Structure formats: C-alpha cells, structure tokens
Amino acid sequence: MVIGSVLGEVHGGFQSWGLSTQWHWVATARRLSWDNPAMPLIPYALTRPFLFGMDPEQAHELTLGSIARLQNTPAACLWAGERVNDPVTVAGLRFPNRIGLAAGLDKNGRCIDGLGAMGFGFIEVGTVTPKGQPGNPKPRMFRLPEANALINRLGFNNEGLGAFLANVQRAYSFRKAGGIVGLNIGKNAATPIEQAAQDYLTALAGVYPHADYITVNISSPNTKNLRALQGDAELAALLGQLQERKAWLAAEHGRQVPMFVKIAPDLDEAQVETIATTLKAQGIDGVIATNTTLARAAVKGLAHAEETGGLSGAPVFEASNRVIRQLRAALGAAFPIIGVGGVLSGADAAAKRAAGADLVQVYTGLIYRGPALVPECARALAK
C-alpha cells in the first residue's frame, strides 16, 4: 500500500515505451540510486493521498502487485532505502539489523526482495495455510487515520502452500544480501479447531526446508476459535506435536530452523505467564508479541471503529508493550522476543526494545509512514 500509484504507472510505461527509452530510464534510475542509495526516488507524501483515496484492500493489492513486478530491477530505487548495518544474533540467526516486516502484509510471499529493499533486516511472510482460501467477505479492511490505525478481518486469505513456496523459492536478492526470511503458518478456516494440529503439521513440513525461522500463528482474531489454541492444555498439546515433527524435519534436512509462536495482546498477566511457562517447557525458540487487538476503547467514536476484526497501529502500542514486559519477566533475559504493534517512529521501536524485545517488526506504521520508517527504526534500535 506504500507506493502503488507511481509503481503502476512505471510498470505501464515500461510496457509502452520503446526499447531505447526503457534503457535510458533504467540507466538514469540506476545512476540516481547509486548516487543516493539511502533515499527512495518517490517521496511517500506524494503517493499516500492517492492510495488513501482508494479502498484499502485495492490500494494494498495495487502496491504489492507493482512491487512484485518491479523488484530486482533498477526501478526498485523508487522505494529502496538504506539498510542500517547493526548485526545481531537471535535464536541462532544473524540478523543484519533489528527491524523486520510483520507477517500479514505479504501473505503469499510475492514481494520478499522488493520489500526487503526498503532496508529491513528480516521479512516475515504469510500467514499461509495448507490449502488456498479466499478469506472473509469484502469489505474487510478499514483505515482509521485519526488514530493511525487499521481494522482488518481478512481471515488468512492466501493462495495455499504450493503457490507460497514457489514464491519464496523465487526470491533471491534479499537473502543473498544477508536478509532473514520468516515463514508464518496457520490453519484453514474450514478445518475444525479439534483438527487444527494437522494443518499446522502439514504447513510446518512444507515450509521447513525454505525458512530461516517459522512462526506458528495462533492469535489472529479473524479465524473462528483460533485463539482458543492459546489455552494452557491446547497450546501444550499443539506445540508438543509440532516439536516432535520439527525434530524429524531437522534430521531429514540436516538443519535446525527456529520456531516462534505469535500471541495476542488481549491476555491478562496470568495468561501471559501460563503461555511463557508452556513455551519454555516445550522448548520453543522464541515468541512474537503481539498480534492485533479486539479492544476498541482507543478508537471509540471514530468512523469504522465498530467494524469486527483485529485493530492494529498506534492503539495497540501500549498493550503490546505490556505483554512484552510480562514475557521478559517470565522468560528471563535470554529468551528471544520479537516485538510488534503500533510502531510508527524510531522512538516507538526503541520503546519496544526497552520493554524487552530483541527484534522489532512493523506493518501498519509502514502504511501510514511509508518506507522511510524502516531505516529510521533501524537507526533507533542501533543506538
């Protein structure tokens, strides 16, 4: 949703221009990109009004489609940003810096290289389910600009495991430059919650050979009963099965792939402590805190505030930080935590780190602030 208007016109121009014109434009773009690699050629302030005049999901698809077509070409300088060099090792992986993209923006893994060019140290794509599914009925995404927030009830819309893995395998430049790719897995909406483990096991086996790390998403509010898997007995049973399968996969593929669990912000302290105990008992490698919230107090009275779905952006910032602090207290200093929720500035990213996160992810902030947010956060986290 970041720069789709301009990217669409650039892609259309490439199709209609003569060969000599194309190469002149490419050479100019390449020269400008090399001269100032830290600055995208298209200021986000110019494209945001156009995108915010569109339906949110249409703007999202326009942008991702354009990035997918133009990534790994000189046209990527339109949105490319500086990658801050701040290497850190978390869960046995060497991250180029501490700022990443949260799952949900690129559900099908189409734009790993293009999004990575914004300066991210890591990209998480998905959530992918074993079978493709359309998600919930439209409209299902709503902006709340007064609150720098979004509400979505997408419902794990994705093309399924086969298409997802084909896209992941096509990506090359981000990883070649040292970027880390996480693959986020979930269950199909049609699968009864009692059989959810089978979907997760299928997805785990599919993504394992292609992931730097894997995230088990049990906290989306948009798949019926999914959050029930955060319960004590349910979580222990699911993670026990996944760890058993993961051990077989590690032996089969000759490599260990860390596994994270993504949890919700709508948990009380006792629930967070119970989850932390289960994560340690099951030998899980890390936790991501948090997903979107069902709470609406921070946006009461705003247009779209009563739409069902998960609320993200600035209103989830404090709730996410609270869960991170509680997790850090319960898990100790060494357990890997990725913080996400409401990061719209470098100061917000630093606050996540201060709360106890080792790494930080953005999503809604990227929509409101554009690509410049990425190096801003990376620099703040490097201090």
Protein backbone atom coordinates (compact mmCIF):
# COMPACT_ATOMS: atom_id res chain seq x y z
CA MET A 1 0.00 0.00 0.00
CA VAL A 2 3.05 2.20 0.02
CA ILE A 3 3.78 3.50 -3.46
CA GLY A 4 1.42 1.65 -5.72
CA SER A 5 0.17 4.60 -7.73
CA VAL A 6 3.58 5.56 -9.08
CA LEU A 7 4.75 1.97 -9.43
CA GLY A 8 1.73 1.09 -11.50
CA GLU A 9 2.45 3.94 -13.89
CA VAL A 10 6.13 2.98 -14.10
CA HIS A 11 5.25 -0.62 -14.92
CA GLY A 12 2.76 0.52 -17.55
CA GLY A 13 5.37 2.85 -19.02
CA PHE A 14 7.85 0.01 -19.32
CA GLN A 15 5.32 -1.88 -21.40
CA SER A 16 4.59 1.01 -23.75
CA TRP A 17 7.95 2.76 -24.13
CA GLY A 18 10.34 1.88 -26.93
CA LEU A 19 13.47 -0.11 -26.09
CA SER A 20 15.82 2.88 -26.23
CA THR A 21 13.54 4.87 -23.89
CA GLN A 22 13.35 1.97 -21.45
CA TRP A 23 17.12 1.67 -21.28
CA HIS A 24 17.55 5.44 -20.87
CA TRP A 25 15.11 5.41 -17.94
CA VAL A 26 16.79 2.35 -16.41
CA ALA A 27 20.26 3.89 -16.67
CA THR A 28 19.05 7.14 -15.11
CA ALA A 29 17.28 5.33 -12.28
CA ARG A 30 20.32 3.18 -11.62
CA ARG A 31 22.62 6.22 -11.52
CA LEU A 32 20.33 8.09 -9.13
CA SER A 33 20.01 5.04 -6.90
CA TRP A 34 23.79 4.60 -6.70
CA ASP A 35 24.36 8.31 -6.06
CA ASN A 36 21.98 8.31 -3.06
CA PRO A 37 21.07 4.74 -2.10
CA ALA A 38 19.53 5.78 1.22
CA MET A 39 16.74 7.87 -0.30
CA PRO A 40 13.77 6.50 -2.29
CA LEU A 41 13.17 8.41 -5.51
CA ILE A 42 9.44 8.81 -4.82
CA PRO A 43 8.54 10.65 -1.58
CA TYR A 44 5.73 8.84 0.20
CA ALA A 45 3.96 12.15 0.86
CA LEU A 46 3.20 12.33 -2.87
CA THR A 47 1.64 8.87 -3.13
CA ARG A 48 -0.18 8.48 0.18
CA PRO A 49 -3.12 10.80 -0.73
CA PHE A 50 -3.75 8.80 -3.90
CA LEU A 51 -3.61 5.48 -2.07
CA PHE A 52 -5.73 6.69 0.84
CA GLY A 53 -8.37 7.76 -1.71
CA MET A 54 -8.75 4.11 -2.73
CA ASP A 55 -10.37 1.20 -0.97
CA PRO A 56 -7.69 -0.06 1.47
CA GLU A 57 -7.52 -3.57 0.08
CA GLN A 58 -7.42 -2.34 -3.52
CA ALA A 59 -4.55 0.01 -2.67
CA HIS A 60 -2.78 -2.85 -0.92
CA GLU A 61 -3.08 -5.14 -3.93
CA LEU A 62 -2.04 -2.41 -6.37
CA THR A 63 1.12 -1.76 -4.38
CA LEU A 64 2.08 -5.39 -3.86
CA GLY A 65 1.39 -6.25 -7.49
CA SER A 66 3.61 -3.42 -8.66
CA ILE A 67 6.42 -4.28 -6.25
CA ALA A 68 6.22 -7.94 -7.31
CA ARG A 69 6.70 -6.96 -10.96
CA LEU A 70 9.42 -4.36 -10.41
CA GLN A 71 11.52 -5.95 -7.65
CA ASN A 72 15.05 -6.91 -8.66
CA THR A 73 15.02 -4.30 -11.43
CA PRO A 74 16.54 -0.81 -11.39
CA ALA A 75 13.01 0.52 -10.76
CA ALA A 76 13.34 -0.71 -7.16
CA CYS A 77 15.21 2.53 -6.48
CA LEU A 78 11.77 4.16 -6.42
CA TRP A 79 11.20 2.76 -2.94
CA ALA A 80 14.59 1.35 -1.84
CA GLY A 81 16.09 2.62 1.39
CA GLU A 82 19.27 2.33 3.42
CA ARG A 83 19.89 -0.94 5.22
CA VAL A 84 21.42 0.07 8.53
CA ASN A 85 24.29 -2.24 9.45
CA ASP A 86 23.59 -3.37 13.01
CA PRO A 87 24.09 -7.16 13.06
CA VAL A 88 22.71 -9.14 15.98
CA THR A 89 22.36 -12.87 16.65
CA VAL A 90 18.96 -14.01 17.93
CA ALA A 91 17.77 -17.64 18.13
CA GLY A 92 21.00 -18.69 16.42
CA LEU A 93 20.35 -16.48 13.37
CA ARG A 94 22.44 -13.47 12.36
CA PHE A 95 20.11 -10.57 11.56
CA PRO A 96 21.62 -7.64 9.58
CA ASN A 97 19.66 -5.26 11.84
CA ARG A 98 16.83 -5.41 14.35
CA ILE A 99 13.90 -4.14 12.22
CA GLY A 100 11.62 -6.50 10.33
CA LEU A 101 8.34 -6.64 8.46
CA ALA A 102 5.50 -8.40 10.26
CA ALA A 103 3.50 -11.18 8.64
CA GLY A 104 0.20 -10.28 7.01
CA LEU A 105 1.32 -7.64 4.54
CA ASP A 106 2.72 -10.12 2.01
CA LYS A 107 0.57 -13.18 2.66
CA ASN A 108 1.70 -15.07 -0.45
CA GLY A 109 5.42 -14.24 -0.26
CA ARG A 110 5.39 -12.43 -3.62
CA CYS A 111 7.49 -9.41 -2.64
CA ILE A 112 10.30 -10.61 -0.39
CA ASP A 113 13.06 -8.99 -2.43
CA GLY A 114 11.10 -5.81 -3.14
CA LEU A 115 10.06 -5.21 0.44
CA GLY A 116 13.49 -6.21 1.68
CA ALA A 117 14.98 -3.39 -0.41
CA MET A 118 13.39 -0.88 1.98
CA GLY A 119 16.16 -1.67 4.46
CA PHE A 120 14.67 -4.44 6.56
CA GLY A 121 16.93 -6.90 8.34
CA PHE A 122 14.24 -9.56 8.16
CA ILE A 123 10.96 -10.18 6.36
CA GLU A 124 8.16 -12.41 7.63
CA VAL A 125 5.61 -13.57 5.06
CA GLY A 126 2.30 -15.42 5.37
CA THR A 127 0.16 -16.44 7.11
CA VAL A 128 -0.02 -19.45 4.78
CA THR A 129 -2.50 -22.30 5.21
CA PRO A 130 -2.20 -25.77 3.68
CA LYS A 131 -4.96 -25.07 1.15
CA GLY A 132 -5.70 -21.78 -0.56
CA GLN A 133 -8.73 -19.91 0.75
CA PRO A 134 -10.46 -16.61 -0.10
CA GLY A 135 -10.75 -15.32 3.45
CA ASN A 136 -13.71 -13.41 4.80
CA PRO A 137 -16.22 -11.45 2.67
CA LYS A 138 -15.29 -7.96 1.48
CA PRO A 139 -15.06 -5.18 2.56
CA ARG A 140 -12.72 -6.44 5.26
CA MET A 141 -10.06 -3.75 5.73
CA PHE A 142 -10.69 -0.27 7.13
CA ARG A 143 -8.49 2.75 7.82
CA LEU A 144 -8.83 4.86 10.95
CA PRO A 145 -6.43 7.68 10.03
CA GLU A 146 -7.28 9.83 13.06
CA ALA A 147 -5.78 7.05 15.19
CA ASN A 148 -3.04 5.87 12.79
CA ALA A 149 -4.80 2.52 12.83
CA LEU A 150 -6.33 -0.21 10.72
CA ILE A 151 -9.04 -2.78 11.31
CA ASN A 152 -8.90 -5.95 9.24
CA ARG A 153 -10.88 -9.16 9.17
CA LEU A 154 -9.10 -10.71 6.20
CA GLY A 155 -9.15 -14.24 7.58
CA PHE A 156 -5.90 -15.79 6.32
CA ASN A 157 -6.72 -15.16 2.64
CA ASN A 158 -3.90 -16.79 0.68
CA GLU A 159 -3.19 -18.96 -2.36
CA GLY A 160 -2.12 -22.02 -0.37
CA LEU A 161 1.14 -23.75 0.45
CA GLY A 162 2.18 -24.67 -3.09
CA ALA A 163 1.96 -21.16 -4.53
CA PHE A 164 3.50 -19.68 -1.39
CA LEU A 165 6.58 -21.91 -1.53
CA ALA A 166 7.05 -21.25 -5.24
CA ASN A 167 7.15 -17.51 -4.49
CA VAL A 168 9.57 -17.95 -1.59
CA GLN A 169 11.91 -20.01 -3.74
CA ARG A 170 11.90 -17.36 -6.48
CA ALA A 171 13.17 -14.70 -4.11
CA TYR A 172 16.96 -14.37 -4.08
CA SER A 173 18.43 -10.88 -3.68
CA PHE A 174 17.28 -10.19 -0.12
CA ARG A 175 18.75 -13.41 1.25
CA LYS A 176 21.88 -13.03 -0.87
CA ALA A 177 22.49 -9.74 0.91
CA GLY A 178 22.13 -11.43 4.30
CA GLY A 179 18.42 -10.85 4.94
CA ILE A 180 16.47 -13.29 7.12
CA VAL A 181 13.11 -14.71 5.94
CA GLY A 182 10.48 -16.00 8.35
CA LEU A 183 7.52 -18.10 7.19
CA ASN A 184 4.27 -17.78 9.15
CA ILE A 185 1.84 -20.73 9.25
CA GLY A 186 -1.81 -21.14 10.22
CA LYS A 187 -4.84 -23.38 9.86
CA ASN A 188 -7.55 -23.35 7.20
CA ALA A 189 -10.87 -21.81 8.21
CA ALA A 190 -12.73 -24.97 7.20
CA THR A 191 -10.62 -27.17 9.46
CA PRO A 192 -12.36 -27.83 12.81
CA ILE A 193 -10.38 -26.46 15.73
CA GLU A 194 -10.11 -30.01 17.08
CA GLN A 195 -8.13 -30.93 13.96
CA ALA A 196 -6.04 -27.75 13.81
CA ALA A 197 -2.82 -29.56 14.68
CA GLN A 198 -2.90 -31.47 11.39
CA ASP A 199 -2.98 -28.23 9.39
CA TYR A 200 -0.04 -26.84 11.36
CA LEU A 201 1.91 -30.09 10.93
CA THR A 202 1.27 -30.05 7.17
CA ALA A 203 2.33 -26.41 6.88
CA LEU A 204 5.39 -26.96 9.08
CA ALA A 205 6.63 -29.81 6.89
CA GLY A 206 6.08 -27.71 3.76
CA VAL A 207 7.86 -24.54 4.89
CA TYR A 208 10.67 -26.11 6.91
CA PRO A 209 13.22 -26.54 4.08
CA HIS A 210 12.71 -22.95 2.90
CA ALA A 211 12.52 -20.96 6.16
CA ASP A 212 15.16 -19.19 8.21
CA TYR A 213 12.61 -19.27 11.03
CA ILE A 214 8.98 -20.39 11.32
CA THR A 215 6.14 -18.64 13.13
CA VAL A 216 3.11 -20.50 14.45
CA ASN A 217 0.19 -18.07 14.31
CA ILE A 218 -2.39 -18.95 16.96
CA SER A 219 -3.54 -15.40 17.66
CA SER A 220 -5.39 -13.99 14.65
CA PRO A 221 -8.86 -12.88 15.74
CA ASN A 222 -10.24 -13.46 12.24
CA THR A 223 -10.30 -17.28 12.16
CA LYS A 224 -13.04 -18.75 14.32
CA ASN A 225 -11.83 -20.21 17.64
CA LEU A 226 -8.14 -19.85 16.67
CA ARG A 227 -7.23 -18.01 19.86
CA ALA A 228 -8.52 -20.98 21.86
CA LEU A 229 -5.19 -22.58 20.95
CA GLN A 230 -3.53 -20.14 23.39
CA GLY A 231 -5.16 -22.04 26.28
CA ASP A 232 -2.84 -23.97 28.57
CA ALA A 233 -3.70 -27.56 27.59
CA GLU A 234 -4.42 -26.70 23.94
CA LEU A 235 -1.12 -24.86 23.49
CA ALA A 236 0.92 -27.58 25.17
CA ALA A 237 -0.69 -30.27 23.00
CA LEU A 238 -0.16 -28.35 19.77
CA LEU A 239 3.42 -27.35 20.49
CA GLY A 240 4.31 -30.85 21.63
CA GLN A 241 3.19 -32.28 18.28
CA LEU A 242 4.97 -29.53 16.34
CA GLN A 243 8.22 -30.03 18.23
CA GLU A 244 8.10 -33.78 17.59
CA ARG A 245 7.59 -33.19 13.85
CA LYS A 246 10.27 -30.49 13.85
CA ALA A 247 12.82 -32.94 15.26
CA TRP A 248 12.12 -35.33 12.38
CA LEU A 249 12.38 -32.50 9.86
CA ALA A 250 15.68 -31.32 11.33
CA ALA A 251 17.11 -34.81 10.94
CA GLU A 252 15.72 -35.14 7.41
CA HIS A 253 17.05 -31.80 6.18
CA GLY A 254 20.20 -31.60 8.27
CA ARG A 255 19.46 -28.16 9.70
CA GLN A 256 17.77 -26.62 12.70
CA VAL A 257 15.10 -24.00 11.96
CA PRO A 258 13.97 -21.90 14.94
CA MET A 259 10.22 -21.88 15.68
CA PHE A 260 8.42 -18.87 17.17
CA VAL A 261 4.85 -18.58 18.46
CA LYS A 262 2.82 -15.41 17.85
CA ILE A 263 0.42 -14.42 20.62
CA ALA A 264 -2.36 -11.86 21.15
CA PRO A 265 -2.31 -8.62 23.15
CA ASP A 266 -5.71 -9.41 24.71
CA LEU A 267 -4.28 -11.53 27.53
CA ASP A 268 -4.15 -10.89 31.25
CA GLU A 269 -0.98 -11.32 33.27
CA ALA A 270 -1.85 -14.84 34.41
CA GLN A 271 -2.47 -15.93 30.82
CA VAL A 272 0.86 -14.45 29.68
CA GLU A 273 2.68 -16.26 32.48
CA THR A 274 0.98 -19.54 31.58
CA ILE A 275 1.96 -19.16 27.92
CA ALA A 276 5.55 -18.32 28.93
CA THR A 277 5.73 -21.44 31.07
CA THR A 278 4.42 -23.57 28.20
CA LEU A 279 6.87 -22.05 25.70
CA LYS A 280 9.81 -22.90 27.94
CA ALA A 281 8.51 -26.35 28.81
CA GLN A 282 8.05 -27.23 25.14
CA GLY A 283 11.47 -25.91 24.10
CA ILE A 284 10.11 -23.23 21.75
CA ASP A 285 12.80 -20.97 20.30
CA GLY A 286 11.05 -17.61 20.63
CA VAL A 287 7.83 -15.63 20.86
CA ILE A 288 6.30 -12.78 18.83
CA ALA A 289 4.22 -10.26 20.77
CA THR A 290 1.71 -9.23 19.63
CA ASN A 291 -0.98 -9.71 17.02
CA THR A 292 -3.92 -7.32 16.55
CA THR A 293 -6.37 -6.47 19.34
CA LEU A 294 -10.13 -6.82 19.74
CA ALA A 295 -10.23 -3.84 22.11
CA ARG A 296 -11.85 -0.64 20.82
CA ALA A 297 -11.56 1.83 23.71
CA ALA A 298 -8.78 3.80 22.00
CA VAL A 299 -10.82 4.36 18.83
CA LYS A 300 -14.31 4.75 20.27
CA GLY A 301 -16.43 7.14 18.24
CA LEU A 302 -14.24 7.07 15.13
CA ALA A 303 -15.53 6.02 11.73
CA HIS A 304 -15.24 2.23 11.28
CA ALA A 305 -14.33 1.76 14.96
CA GLU A 306 -17.10 -0.80 15.46
CA GLU A 307 -16.13 -2.96 12.50
CA THR A 308 -15.30 -6.50 13.56
CA GLY A 309 -11.73 -7.71 13.18
CA GLY A 310 -8.31 -7.02 14.57
CA LEU A 311 -7.23 -3.45 15.34
CA SER A 312 -3.60 -2.59 14.58
CA GLY A 313 -1.45 0.51 14.62
CA ALA A 314 -0.97 3.10 17.36
CA PRO A 315 -3.86 1.91 19.58
CA VAL A 316 -2.20 -1.49 20.18
CA PHE A 317 1.20 0.00 21.11
CA GLU A 318 0.81 0.05 24.90
CA ALA A 319 -0.98 -3.32 25.08
CA SER A 320 1.79 -4.92 23.06
CA ASN A 321 4.48 -3.35 25.25
CA ARG A 322 2.71 -4.60 28.37
CA VAL A 323 2.74 -8.17 27.07
CA ILE A 324 6.41 -7.86 26.06
CA ARG A 325 7.37 -6.66 29.53
CA GLN A 326 5.44 -9.51 31.15
CA LEU A 327 7.01 -12.06 28.81
CA ARG A 328 10.50 -10.78 29.51
CA ALA A 329 9.93 -11.00 33.25
CA ALA A 330 8.57 -14.54 32.93
CA LEU A 331 11.02 -15.87 30.34
CA GLY A 332 14.28 -14.35 31.53
CA ALA A 333 16.90 -12.31 29.73
CA ALA A 334 17.99 -14.86 27.12
CA PHE A 335 14.68 -15.97 25.58
CA PRO A 336 14.15 -14.40 22.10
CA ILE A 337 11.24 -11.96 21.84
CA ILE A 338 10.12 -10.13 18.69
CA GLY A 339 8.03 -7.06 19.48
CA VAL A 340 5.33 -5.80 17.13
CA GLY A 341 2.36 -3.49 17.47
CA GLY A 342 1.95 0.24 16.95
CA VAL A 343 5.44 1.17 15.78
CA LEU A 344 5.14 4.45 13.86
CA SER A 345 8.52 6.02 14.66
CA GLY A 346 12.05 5.26 15.69
CA ALA A 347 11.11 6.21 19.24
CA ASP A 348 8.32 3.61 19.19
CA ALA A 349 10.78 0.95 18.03
CA ALA A 350 13.19 1.91 20.81
CA ALA A 351 10.34 1.63 23.34
CA LYS A 352 9.69 -1.93 22.17
CA ARG A 353 13.36 -2.70 22.77
CA ALA A 354 13.22 -1.08 26.20
CA ALA A 355 10.18 -3.23 27.06
CA GLY A 356 12.24 -6.34 26.37
CA ALA A 357 12.08 -7.10 22.64
CA ASP A 358 15.25 -8.31 20.92
CA LEU A 359 13.87 -7.54 17.46
CA VAL A 360 11.02 -5.30 16.27
CA GLN A 361 8.52 -5.60 13.42
CA VAL A 362 6.34 -3.03 11.63
CA TYR A 363 3.24 -3.28 9.44
CA THR A 364 0.57 -0.61 9.94
CA GLY A 365 3.25 2.02 10.55
CA LEU A 366 4.61 1.32 7.09
CA ILE A 367 1.22 2.14 5.61
CA TYR A 368 0.98 5.44 7.45
CA ARG A 369 4.64 6.50 7.30
CA GLY A 370 6.00 4.82 4.17
CA PRO A 371 9.46 3.28 3.51
CA ALA A 372 11.37 5.98 5.40
CA LEU A 373 10.10 4.39 8.63
CA VAL A 374 12.34 1.36 8.12
CA PRO A 375 15.82 2.94 8.33
CA GLU A 376 14.51 5.38 10.97
CA CYS A 377 13.60 2.43 13.20
CA ALA A 378 16.80 0.54 12.40
CA ARG A 379 18.90 3.55 13.41
CA ALA A 380 16.92 3.99 16.65
CA LEU A 381 17.42 0.32 17.53
CA ALA A 382 21.15 0.54 16.80
CA LYS A 383 21.76 3.17 19.47
